[in-house]
Amino acid sequence: MSKLYNVGLVGATGLIGKKFIEVLQKENFPVGKIKLFASKKSVGKTVYAFGKELTVQTLSDGCFLGLDIVFFSAGKEVSLKYAPKAINDGAFVIDNSSAFRKKDLVPLVIPEINGDLLKKSVSRLIANPNCSTAIAILPLYRLDQLFSVKRIIFTTFQAVSGSGQKGVDDLKRCKKGGKPQFFPLNIAKNCIAKIGDFDIFGYTDEELKMVNETQKIFGKKIDVSATCVRVPINNCHGVSVEVEFEKEFFEEDLKGILNSTAGVKVCDLPSFEYADGKGEILVGRIKKSLAFKNGISYFCVGDNSLKGASLNAVQIANLLINFGKI
């Protein structure tokens, strides 16, 4: 019988927390015991998963004892407070928030790109990248190996599910004629070019995540600029990518290279509707850049709740198992 692992899930009743449960079951992750954690208002609720009713618990000192892996999907502040406690209780932590992504000793992992980092890392904390970053750069890593990425311009088109249940509810409310209670504008009738707070230079938190995380995942200095836009779509993020390479390339080779890249599927016109519920990134509109000498542009779409969050984290957990870390 294969070894089973005791798993914890923090933020289990949230939008992405529910996706974690779906993915763990769909991927047949070897779960032994599982503990579900959420805020105090959800304590005592039950969730049917893994063939039984599971009672949601609150977070407390010692609550992670006996767990091998804990997935965190409850926001930055919760992760900052409780992820160290989970590690002290003996668990590996895979964190879906931005709390630890910029820390030098914390691996920031997209398994298809830099999963081998986990072989030599001694960290018991692994960070999951921002959803838009994961979707945008997964198609790029093979091209970087061949032609060396020099400069990138991202423009994102991000679904309301990326902001959690409150964002989804606000879209529903506005579609029915109600006033926005979460977004600064009526999201049913607008695309909102603001995700997160502005810094002194006019960039938002979300845009700076894409800049910093791209450089860390690729392991080198790349000139990156990003504009992130919230759009009236329930799920899936789209990203327009303009990239310049150090080396020359043959345009006719690009589709073949991208189609052979793990986790990527080339199509004529990437669709938000088709990408919903899929674990792969759809890439299309591939063409030679008119702005960069050795450059291309493409448009990609991915399910932000899957490859942008839950699926990527579960793939990280599988690597930890395969590498004998747990």
Protein backbone atom coordinates (compact mmCIF):
# COMPACT_ATOMS: atom_id res chain seq x y z
CA MET A 1 0.00 0.00 0.00
CA SER A 2 1.31 3.47 -0.91
CA LYS A 3 2.23 5.80 1.91
CA LEU A 4 -0.47 8.25 2.97
CA TYR A 5 0.17 11.78 4.17
CA ASN A 6 -1.63 13.85 6.77
CA VAL A 7 -2.75 17.14 5.23
CA GLY A 8 -3.98 20.47 6.55
CA LEU A 9 -5.80 23.13 4.55
CA VAL A 10 -6.02 26.67 5.89
CA GLY A 11 -8.78 28.73 4.30
CA ALA A 12 -10.78 25.62 3.49
CA THR A 13 -14.17 27.34 3.13
CA GLY A 14 -12.96 30.10 0.81
CA LEU A 15 -13.23 30.17 -2.96
CA ILE A 16 -9.72 28.82 -3.55
CA GLY A 17 -9.83 26.56 -0.50
CA LYS A 18 -12.73 24.69 -2.08
CA LYS A 19 -10.65 24.32 -5.25
CA PHE A 20 -7.85 22.80 -3.19
CA ILE A 21 -10.23 20.10 -1.97
CA GLU A 22 -11.42 19.42 -5.53
CA VAL A 23 -7.86 19.14 -6.84
CA LEU A 24 -6.63 16.90 -4.03
CA GLN A 25 -9.48 14.50 -4.78
CA LYS A 26 -9.22 14.71 -8.57
CA GLU A 27 -5.45 14.19 -8.54
CA ASN A 28 -5.82 11.24 -6.13
CA PHE A 29 -3.36 12.84 -3.73
CA PRO A 30 -2.40 10.23 -1.09
CA VAL A 31 -4.32 11.80 1.79
CA GLY A 32 -4.41 9.94 5.08
CA LYS A 33 -5.88 12.28 7.67
CA ILE A 34 -7.01 15.76 6.63
CA LYS A 35 -7.77 18.78 8.78
CA LEU A 36 -9.72 21.76 7.48
CA PHE A 37 -9.12 25.19 9.03
CA ALA A 38 -10.96 28.47 8.54
CA SER A 39 -11.90 31.67 10.36
CA LYS A 40 -13.97 31.55 13.53
CA LYS A 41 -17.20 32.27 11.65
CA SER A 42 -16.80 28.97 9.78
CA VAL A 43 -15.88 26.82 12.76
CA GLY A 44 -18.21 23.86 13.18
CA LYS A 45 -19.31 23.85 9.55
CA THR A 46 -18.96 20.55 7.75
CA VAL A 47 -17.53 19.87 4.31
CA TYR A 48 -18.08 16.59 2.49
CA ALA A 49 -14.77 15.43 1.04
CA PHE A 50 -12.79 12.22 0.69
CA GLY A 51 -15.92 10.19 1.29
CA LYS A 52 -16.85 11.69 4.66
CA GLU A 53 -18.09 14.75 6.49
CA LEU A 54 -15.21 16.88 7.76
CA THR A 55 -15.68 19.47 10.50
CA VAL A 56 -13.97 22.83 10.03
CA GLN A 57 -11.61 23.81 12.85
CA THR A 58 -10.14 27.10 14.03
CA LEU A 59 -6.43 27.88 14.07
CA SER A 60 -4.64 27.59 17.40
CA ASP A 61 -1.27 26.69 18.88
CA GLY A 62 -0.50 23.03 18.26
CA CYS A 63 -3.30 22.55 15.71
CA PHE A 64 -0.84 21.37 13.05
CA LEU A 65 0.78 18.61 15.12
CA GLY A 66 0.85 15.31 13.23
CA LEU A 67 0.42 16.89 9.80
CA ASP A 68 2.93 16.32 7.00
CA ILE A 69 1.82 19.09 4.62
CA VAL A 70 -0.24 22.22 5.22
CA PHE A 71 -1.63 24.26 2.33
CA PHE A 72 -2.29 27.91 3.18
CA SER A 73 -4.90 29.84 1.20
CA ALA A 74 -6.27 32.39 3.63
CA GLY A 75 -4.34 35.56 2.87
CA LYS A 76 -1.03 37.13 3.77
CA GLU A 77 -1.70 38.00 7.41
CA VAL A 78 -2.87 34.49 8.30
CA SER A 79 0.17 32.99 6.60
CA LEU A 80 2.59 35.31 8.38
CA LYS A 81 1.14 34.34 11.75
CA TYR A 82 0.49 30.63 11.35
CA ALA A 83 2.85 29.25 8.68
CA PRO A 84 5.83 29.39 11.09
CA LYS A 85 3.71 27.56 13.68
CA ALA A 86 2.93 24.80 11.18
CA ILE A 87 6.63 24.43 10.41
CA ASN A 88 7.46 24.31 14.12
CA ASP A 89 4.83 21.56 14.46
CA GLY A 90 6.77 19.51 11.90
CA ALA A 91 4.87 20.15 8.66
CA PHE A 92 5.91 21.34 5.24
CA VAL A 93 4.04 24.50 4.27
CA ILE A 94 2.96 25.42 0.74
CA ASP A 95 1.71 28.99 0.89
CA ASN A 96 -0.59 30.53 -1.69
CA SER A 97 -0.29 34.10 -0.39
CA SER A 98 2.29 36.78 -1.12
CA ALA A 99 3.70 36.61 2.42
CA PHE A 100 6.97 34.83 1.68
CA ARG A 101 7.46 34.99 -2.09
CA LYS A 102 10.24 37.60 -1.96
CA LYS A 103 12.21 35.86 0.80
CA ASP A 104 15.59 34.71 -0.54
CA LEU A 105 15.59 31.33 1.20
CA VAL A 106 11.98 30.48 0.31
CA PRO A 107 11.62 28.69 -3.04
CA LEU A 108 9.04 30.26 -5.35
CA VAL A 109 8.05 27.35 -7.53
CA ILE A 110 6.28 26.56 -10.77
CA PRO A 111 7.08 22.84 -11.03
CA GLU A 112 7.51 22.78 -14.82
CA ILE A 113 10.03 25.63 -14.64
CA ASN A 114 12.06 25.36 -11.46
CA GLY A 115 10.73 22.36 -9.55
CA ASP A 116 14.27 20.99 -9.25
CA LEU A 117 14.95 23.70 -6.66
CA LEU A 118 13.12 21.49 -4.18
CA LYS A 119 15.75 18.74 -4.49
CA LYS A 120 18.43 20.80 -2.77
CA SER A 121 16.33 23.22 -0.75
CA VAL A 122 16.30 22.77 3.01
CA SER A 123 13.31 25.08 3.44
CA ARG A 124 10.13 23.56 4.83
CA LEU A 125 8.26 26.55 3.40
CA ILE A 126 7.51 26.82 -0.33
CA ALA A 127 5.72 29.75 -1.92
CA ASN A 128 3.14 29.46 -4.67
CA PRO A 129 3.46 32.28 -7.24
CA ASN A 130 0.85 34.88 -8.04
CA CYS A 131 -1.81 33.44 -10.35
CA SER A 132 -1.14 35.86 -13.22
CA THR A 133 2.60 35.30 -13.00
CA ALA A 134 2.18 31.53 -13.24
CA ILE A 135 -0.16 31.78 -16.22
CA ALA A 136 1.96 34.33 -18.08
CA ILE A 137 5.41 32.80 -17.74
CA LEU A 138 4.73 29.08 -17.97
CA PRO A 139 4.82 29.29 -21.78
CA LEU A 140 8.05 31.32 -21.60
CA TYR A 141 10.46 29.05 -19.77
CA ARG A 142 11.35 26.82 -22.72
CA LEU A 143 11.77 29.87 -24.94
CA ASP A 144 14.05 31.39 -22.31
CA GLN A 145 16.23 28.28 -22.33
CA LEU A 146 16.61 28.53 -26.10
CA PHE A 147 16.72 32.27 -26.76
CA SER A 148 17.22 33.95 -23.34
CA VAL A 149 14.49 36.37 -22.27
CA LYS A 150 15.69 39.96 -21.98
CA ARG A 151 12.59 42.13 -21.60
CA ILE A 152 8.86 41.52 -20.98
CA ILE A 153 5.73 43.66 -21.05
CA PHE A 154 2.62 42.10 -19.45
CA THR A 155 -0.97 43.27 -19.71
CA THR A 156 -3.38 41.13 -17.72
CA PHE A 157 -7.14 40.62 -17.96
CA GLN A 158 -8.05 39.10 -14.61
CA ALA A 159 -11.32 37.46 -13.59
CA VAL A 160 -13.18 38.47 -10.44
CA SER A 161 -12.49 35.07 -8.85
CA GLY A 162 -8.91 36.27 -8.41
CA SER A 163 -10.18 38.60 -5.70
CA GLY A 164 -12.06 35.86 -3.89
CA GLN A 165 -15.73 35.30 -3.12
CA LYS A 166 -16.34 39.00 -2.46
CA GLY A 167 -15.30 39.81 -6.02
CA VAL A 168 -17.50 37.09 -7.48
CA ASP A 169 -20.45 38.31 -5.41
CA ASP A 170 -19.87 41.90 -6.53
CA LEU A 171 -20.04 40.91 -10.20
CA LYS A 172 -23.30 39.05 -9.59
CA ARG A 173 -24.70 42.00 -7.67
CA CYS A 174 -23.77 44.52 -10.36
CA LYS A 175 -25.14 42.34 -13.15
CA LYS A 176 -28.50 42.44 -11.36
CA GLY A 177 -28.42 46.23 -11.23
CA GLY A 178 -27.00 46.63 -7.74
CA LYS A 179 -24.23 49.01 -6.70
CA PRO A 180 -20.65 47.79 -6.23
CA GLN A 181 -19.70 46.98 -2.64
CA PHE A 182 -16.24 45.56 -3.24
CA PHE A 183 -14.77 46.99 -6.44
CA PRO A 184 -14.29 50.77 -6.90
CA LEU A 185 -16.43 50.74 -10.06
CA ASN A 186 -19.34 48.72 -11.41
CA ILE A 187 -17.43 45.64 -12.56
CA ALA A 188 -20.36 44.47 -14.72
CA LYS A 189 -19.90 47.51 -16.94
CA ASN A 190 -16.17 48.23 -16.60
CA CYS A 191 -12.67 46.90 -16.90
CA ILE A 192 -10.83 48.25 -13.85
CA ALA A 193 -7.12 49.02 -14.29
CA LYS A 194 -6.35 48.74 -10.59
CA ILE A 195 -5.67 45.50 -8.69
CA GLY A 196 -4.17 46.24 -5.29
CA ASP A 197 -2.84 49.48 -3.86
CA PHE A 198 -0.73 51.99 -5.80
CA ASP A 199 2.90 52.65 -4.88
CA ILE A 200 4.56 56.06 -5.21
CA PHE A 201 5.44 55.35 -8.85
CA GLY A 202 1.89 54.43 -9.84
CA TYR A 203 2.30 50.63 -9.94
CA THR A 204 -0.11 48.39 -8.06
CA ASP A 205 0.72 45.50 -5.75
CA GLU A 206 -0.39 43.02 -8.41
CA GLU A 207 1.84 44.59 -11.05
CA LEU A 208 4.89 44.55 -8.80
CA LYS A 209 4.25 40.90 -7.94
CA MET A 210 4.54 40.05 -11.62
CA VAL A 211 7.78 42.02 -11.91
CA ASN A 212 9.48 40.57 -8.83
CA GLU A 213 8.22 37.00 -9.15
CA THR A 214 9.17 36.69 -12.82
CA GLN A 215 12.73 37.67 -12.00
CA LYS A 216 12.94 35.28 -9.05
CA ILE A 217 11.47 32.29 -10.88
CA PHE A 218 13.71 32.76 -13.91
CA GLY A 219 16.66 33.37 -11.61
CA LYS A 220 18.01 36.42 -13.39
CA LYS A 221 17.54 40.12 -13.97
CA ILE A 222 14.86 40.73 -16.60
CA ASP A 223 13.36 44.12 -17.46
CA VAL A 224 9.65 43.66 -16.70
CA SER A 225 6.70 46.03 -16.82
CA ALA A 226 3.09 45.08 -16.09
CA THR A 227 -0.39 46.58 -16.19
CA CYS A 228 -3.06 44.52 -14.43
CA VAL A 229 -6.75 44.91 -15.22
CA ARG A 230 -9.82 43.37 -13.56
CA VAL A 231 -12.45 42.30 -16.12
CA PRO A 232 -16.10 41.19 -15.82
CA ILE A 233 -15.33 37.49 -16.20
CA ASN A 234 -16.12 34.96 -13.46
CA ASN A 235 -13.01 32.80 -13.76
CA CYS A 236 -9.72 32.54 -15.68
CA HIS A 237 -7.06 35.16 -16.34
CA GLY A 238 -5.77 36.27 -19.72
CA VAL A 239 -2.36 37.85 -20.27
CA SER A 240 -0.98 39.67 -23.30
CA VAL A 241 2.79 39.12 -23.36
CA GLU A 242 5.37 41.05 -25.38
CA VAL A 243 8.86 39.57 -24.94
CA GLU A 244 12.31 40.38 -26.28
CA PHE A 245 15.06 37.74 -26.52
CA GLU A 246 18.83 38.05 -26.47
CA LYS A 247 19.17 35.60 -29.37
CA GLU A 248 17.61 35.35 -32.81
CA PHE A 249 14.95 32.75 -33.50
CA PHE A 250 12.98 31.31 -36.38
CA GLU A 251 9.36 32.41 -36.20
CA GLU A 252 8.10 29.18 -37.75
CA ASP A 253 9.60 27.17 -34.87
CA LEU A 254 7.71 28.96 -32.09
CA LYS A 255 4.41 27.07 -32.18
CA GLY A 256 6.18 23.72 -32.15
CA ILE A 257 8.35 24.75 -29.20
CA LEU A 258 5.37 26.04 -27.22
CA ASN A 259 3.25 22.99 -28.01
CA SER A 260 5.99 20.74 -26.63
CA THR A 261 6.24 22.78 -23.42
CA ALA A 262 4.80 20.97 -20.41
CA GLY A 263 1.50 22.44 -19.24
CA VAL A 264 0.96 24.48 -22.40
CA LYS A 265 -1.43 24.03 -25.34
CA VAL A 266 -1.26 26.13 -28.50
CA CYS A 267 -4.57 27.16 -30.08
CA ASP A 268 -5.70 29.76 -32.58
CA LEU A 269 -7.76 31.86 -30.21
CA PRO A 270 -7.39 31.20 -26.44
CA SER A 271 -10.77 31.15 -24.74
CA PHE A 272 -11.62 32.01 -21.14
CA GLU A 273 -14.61 29.70 -21.38
CA TYR A 274 -12.55 26.73 -22.61
CA ALA A 275 -9.73 27.32 -20.11
CA ASP A 276 -12.16 27.21 -17.18
CA GLY A 277 -11.53 23.99 -15.26
CA LYS A 278 -8.43 23.08 -17.28
CA GLY A 279 -4.97 22.67 -15.80
CA GLU A 280 -3.10 23.75 -18.91
CA ILE A 281 -2.30 27.22 -20.21
CA LEU A 282 -3.79 28.07 -23.61
CA VAL A 283 -1.51 30.13 -25.88
CA GLY A 284 -2.40 31.80 -29.16
CA ARG A 285 -2.00 34.94 -31.28
CA ILE A 286 1.70 34.08 -31.54
CA LYS A 287 3.45 36.55 -33.80
CA LYS A 288 6.74 38.34 -34.32
CA SER A 289 6.94 41.58 -32.36
CA LEU A 290 6.82 44.85 -34.27
CA ALA A 291 8.38 46.66 -31.29
CA PHE A 292 11.37 44.43 -30.46
CA LYS A 293 14.01 43.24 -32.94
CA ASN A 294 14.22 39.72 -31.49
CA GLY A 295 10.76 39.58 -29.98
CA ILE A 296 7.37 37.92 -30.07
CA SER A 297 3.95 38.58 -28.64
CA TYR A 298 1.30 36.10 -27.58
CA PHE A 299 -1.94 35.92 -25.64
CA CYS A 300 -2.46 33.23 -23.02
CA VAL A 301 -5.35 32.19 -20.80
CA GLY A 302 -5.38 29.96 -17.74
CA ASP A 303 -7.61 29.00 -14.85
CA ASN A 304 -6.37 31.19 -12.00
CA SER A 305 -7.97 28.96 -9.39
CA LEU A 306 -6.14 25.88 -10.73
CA LYS A 307 -2.69 26.38 -12.28
CA GLY A 308 -2.71 29.84 -10.76
CA ALA A 309 -3.28 28.46 -7.26
CA SER A 310 -4.51 25.04 -6.10
CA LEU A 311 -3.18 22.76 -8.84
CA ASN A 312 0.27 24.34 -8.79
CA ALA A 313 0.44 23.88 -5.00
CA VAL A 314 -0.59 20.22 -5.19
CA GLN A 315 2.00 19.65 -7.92
CA ILE A 316 4.59 21.13 -5.54
CA ALA A 317 3.47 18.70 -2.83
CA ASN A 318 3.85 15.80 -5.26
CA LEU A 319 7.39 16.89 -6.02
CA LEU A 320 8.24 16.99 -2.31
CA ILE A 321 7.02 13.40 -2.07
CA ASN A 322 8.82 12.28 -5.23
CA PHE A 323 12.07 13.85 -4.06
CA GLY A 324 11.82 12.05 -0.72
CA LYS A 325 11.50 15.26 1.28
CA ILE A 326 8.47 14.04 3.21
